Amino acid sequence: MNEHNDPKRQARFNIGQVVKHRMFPFRGVIYDVDPEFANTEEWYEAIPAEIRPSKDQPFYHLLAENEEAAYEAYVSQQNLIADRSGEPVDHPDVEELFGEFRGDHYLPRGLAQH
């Protein structure tokens, strides 16, 4: 099967979309997508084996937040779900990359309505 037609490799989420983690209490806005794992082996091996995701799926770069902090996260597609809370993401870099918030996604800076 051609990798471009492989459903596992097709990104389900888009840049600017607000998502949350399936297992951990954080959410964020996607600012970049890798078609497959593109982080260090050390980072990958640090994930407990019983929950370690497959590398052959999209991975998303998030401006993330939880109850304590704002940070950046790198998350596999299988561990994300759409966030339907309607709440904006409270991360200091959101305004730098994105413009208007539309309930479940942000418009990228260049497309924002002024």
C-alpha atoms as a PDB file:
ATOM      1  CA  MET A   1       0.000   0.000   0.000  1.00  0.00           C
ATOM      2  CA  ASN A   2       1.268   3.462  -0.858  1.00  0.00           C
ATOM      3  CA  GLU A   3       2.104   5.389   2.364  1.00  0.00           C
ATOM      4  CA  HIS A   4       0.126   8.423   1.155  1.00  0.00           C
ATOM      5  CA  ASN A   5      -3.026   6.289   1.011  1.00  0.00           C
ATOM      6  CA  ASP A   6      -2.397   4.590   4.361  1.00  0.00           C
ATOM      7  CA  PRO A   7      -5.190   5.771   6.693  1.00  0.00           C
ATOM      8  CA  LYS A   8      -2.843   5.508   9.701  1.00  0.00           C
ATOM      9  CA  ARG A   9      -0.622   8.192   8.159  1.00  0.00           C
ATOM     10  CA  GLN A  10      -3.313  10.690   7.239  1.00  0.00           C
ATOM     11  CA  ALA A  11      -3.506  13.600   9.651  1.00  0.00           C
ATOM     12  CA  ARG A  12      -6.905  13.719  11.371  1.00  0.00           C
ATOM     13  CA  PHE A  13      -6.269  17.112  12.960  1.00  0.00           C
ATOM     14  CA  ASN A  14      -5.284  20.459  11.495  1.00  0.00           C
ATOM     15  CA  ILE A  15      -2.977  23.311  12.389  1.00  0.00           C
ATOM     16  CA  GLY A  16      -4.917  25.694  14.614  1.00  0.00           C
ATOM     17  CA  GLN A  17      -7.270  22.991  15.925  1.00  0.00           C
ATOM     18  CA  VAL A  18      -7.769  22.689  19.687  1.00  0.00           C
ATOM     19  CA  VAL A  19      -7.274  19.120  20.939  1.00  0.00           C
ATOM     20  CA  LYS A  20      -6.888  17.266  24.203  1.00  0.00           C
ATOM     21  CA  HIS A  21      -4.940  14.206  25.273  1.00  0.00           C
ATOM     22  CA  ARG A  22      -6.884  10.936  25.622  1.00  0.00           C
ATOM     23  CA  MET A  23      -5.133   9.845  28.837  1.00  0.00           C
ATOM     24  CA  PHE A  24      -3.522  12.889  30.436  1.00  0.00           C
ATOM     25  CA  PRO A  25      -5.159  16.105  31.661  1.00  0.00           C
ATOM     26  CA  PHE A  26      -3.887  18.590  29.108  1.00  0.00           C
ATOM     27  CA  ARG A  27      -5.104  20.292  25.966  1.00  0.00           C
ATOM     28  CA  GLY A  28      -3.550  22.536  23.336  1.00  0.00           C
ATOM     29  CA  VAL A  29      -3.573  24.036  19.892  1.00  0.00           C
ATOM     30  CA  ILE A  30      -1.717  22.316  17.033  1.00  0.00           C
ATOM     31  CA  TYR A  31       1.017  24.430  15.454  1.00  0.00           C
ATOM     32  CA  ASP A  32       2.834  21.795  13.376  1.00  0.00           C
ATOM     33  CA  VAL A  33       2.366  18.195  12.157  1.00  0.00           C
ATOM     34  CA  ASP A  34       4.951  15.512  11.381  1.00  0.00           C
ATOM     35  CA  PRO A  35       3.640  12.739   9.056  1.00  0.00           C
ATOM     36  CA  GLU A  36       5.416  10.224  11.324  1.00  0.00           C
ATOM     37  CA  PHE A  37       7.531  10.295  14.481  1.00  0.00           C
ATOM     38  CA  ALA A  38      10.357  12.840  14.166  1.00  0.00           C
ATOM     39  CA  ASN A  39      11.683  13.283  17.695  1.00  0.00           C
ATOM     40  CA  THR A  40      14.698  11.684  19.415  1.00  0.00           C
ATOM     41  CA  GLU A  41      14.962   8.009  20.240  1.00  0.00           C
ATOM     42  CA  GLU A  42      15.680   9.041  23.842  1.00  0.00           C
ATOM     43  CA  TRP A  43      12.342  10.926  23.974  1.00  0.00           C
ATOM     44  CA  TYR A  44      10.528   7.912  22.508  1.00  0.00           C
ATOM     45  CA  GLU A  45      12.131   5.403  24.895  1.00  0.00           C
ATOM     46  CA  ALA A  46      11.150   7.591  27.885  1.00  0.00           C
ATOM     47  CA  ILE A  47       7.476   6.775  27.205  1.00  0.00           C
ATOM     48  CA  PRO A  48       6.408   3.757  29.285  1.00  0.00           C
ATOM     49  CA  ALA A  49       6.323   0.700  26.998  1.00  0.00           C
ATOM     50  CA  GLU A  50       2.706  -0.145  27.817  1.00  0.00           C
ATOM     51  CA  ILE A  51       1.501   3.208  26.443  1.00  0.00           C
ATOM     52  CA  ARG A  52       4.236   3.905  23.848  1.00  0.00           C
ATOM     53  CA  PRO A  53       2.562   4.819  20.525  1.00  0.00           C
ATOM     54  CA  SER A  54       3.506   3.506  17.120  1.00  0.00           C
ATOM     55  CA  LYS A  55       5.957   5.730  15.202  1.00  0.00           C
ATOM     56  CA  ASP A  56       4.152   5.292  11.846  1.00  0.00           C
ATOM     57  CA  GLN A  57       1.385   7.825  12.428  1.00  0.00           C
ATOM     58  CA  PRO A  58       1.208  11.606  12.471  1.00  0.00           C
ATOM     59  CA  PHE A  59       2.652  13.378  15.515  1.00  0.00           C
ATOM     60  CA  TYR A  60       1.504  16.846  16.502  1.00  0.00           C
ATOM     61  CA  HIS A  61       3.332  19.797  18.029  1.00  0.00           C
ATOM     62  CA  LEU A  62       1.064  21.555  20.529  1.00  0.00           C
ATOM     63  CA  LEU A  63       1.081  24.777  22.461  1.00  0.00           C
ATOM     64  CA  ALA A  64      -0.272  22.995  25.518  1.00  0.00           C
ATOM     65  CA  GLU A  65      -1.705  23.801  28.923  1.00  0.00           C
ATOM     66  CA  ASN A  66      -2.723  21.947  32.036  1.00  0.00           C
ATOM     67  CA  GLU A  67      -3.818  23.095  35.504  1.00  0.00           C
ATOM     68  CA  GLU A  68      -0.257  24.096  36.464  1.00  0.00           C
ATOM     69  CA  ALA A  69       1.568  25.355  33.383  1.00  0.00           C
ATOM     70  CA  ALA A  70       1.807  26.238  29.705  1.00  0.00           C
ATOM     71  CA  TYR A  71       4.349  24.257  27.677  1.00  0.00           C
ATOM     72  CA  GLU A  72       4.964  22.560  24.327  1.00  0.00           C
ATOM     73  CA  ALA A  73       3.946  18.939  23.777  1.00  0.00           C
ATOM     74  CA  TYR A  74       4.602  16.346  21.067  1.00  0.00           C
ATOM     75  CA  VAL A  75       1.719  13.871  20.824  1.00  0.00           C
ATOM     76  CA  SER A  76       0.810  10.928  18.587  1.00  0.00           C
ATOM     77  CA  GLN A  77      -2.438  11.024  16.650  1.00  0.00           C
ATOM     78  CA  GLN A  78      -3.796   7.991  18.536  1.00  0.00           C
ATOM     79  CA  ASN A  79      -3.569   9.942  21.810  1.00  0.00           C
ATOM     80  CA  LEU A  80      -5.486  13.034  20.716  1.00  0.00           C
ATOM     81  CA  ILE A  81      -9.171  13.861  20.493  1.00  0.00           C
ATOM     82  CA  ALA A  82     -10.893  17.062  19.443  1.00  0.00           C
ATOM     83  CA  ASP A  83     -11.536  19.479  22.305  1.00  0.00           C
ATOM     84  CA  ARG A  84     -15.145  20.618  22.166  1.00  0.00           C
ATOM     85  CA  SER A  85     -15.052  22.812  25.283  1.00  0.00           C
ATOM     86  CA  GLY A  86     -15.186  26.038  23.255  1.00  0.00           C
ATOM     87  CA  GLU A  87     -12.484  27.496  25.500  1.00  0.00           C
ATOM     88  CA  PRO A  88      -9.365  29.218  24.106  1.00  0.00           C
ATOM     89  CA  VAL A  89      -5.934  27.786  24.970  1.00  0.00           C
ATOM     90  CA  ASP A  90      -4.097  29.763  27.642  1.00  0.00           C
ATOM     91  CA  HIS A  91      -0.537  29.649  26.285  1.00  0.00           C
ATOM     92  CA  PRO A  92       1.706  32.732  25.907  1.00  0.00           C
ATOM     93  CA  ASP A  93       2.710  31.866  22.299  1.00  0.00           C
ATOM     94  CA  VAL A  94      -0.825  31.467  20.920  1.00  0.00           C
ATOM     95  CA  GLU A  95      -1.123  35.155  19.968  1.00  0.00           C
ATOM     96  CA  GLU A  96       2.217  35.026  18.150  1.00  0.00           C
ATOM     97  CA  LEU A  97       1.145  32.174  15.854  1.00  0.00           C
ATOM     98  CA  PHE A  98      -2.608  32.536  15.666  1.00  0.00           C
ATOM     99  CA  GLY A  99      -5.268  35.174  15.266  1.00  0.00           C
ATOM    100  CA  GLU A 100      -8.972  34.832  15.850  1.00  0.00           C
ATOM    101  CA  PHE A 101     -10.338  31.958  17.951  1.00  0.00           C
ATOM    102  CA  ARG A 102     -13.402  30.296  16.381  1.00  0.00           C
ATOM    103  CA  GLY A 103     -14.668  28.001  19.155  1.00  0.00           C
ATOM    104  CA  ASP A 104     -12.697  24.850  18.284  1.00  0.00           C
ATOM    105  CA  HIS A 105      -9.824  26.267  16.249  1.00  0.00           C
ATOM    106  CA  TYR A 106      -7.656  29.307  15.695  1.00  0.00           C
ATOM    107  CA  LEU A 107      -7.048  31.001  12.389  1.00  0.00           C
ATOM    108  CA  PRO A 108      -3.338  31.068  11.510  1.00  0.00           C
ATOM    109  CA  ARG A 109      -1.914  34.607  11.868  1.00  0.00           C
ATOM    110  CA  GLY A 110      -1.865  35.312   8.121  1.00  0.00           C
ATOM    111  CA  LEU A 111      -5.560  34.413   7.733  1.00  0.00           C
ATOM    112  CA  ALA A 112      -6.923  36.282  10.752  1.00  0.00           C
ATOM    113  CA  GLN A 113      -9.725  38.748  10.138  1.00  0.00           C
ATOM    114  CA  HIS A 114      -8.913  42.272  11.317  1.00  0.00           C
END
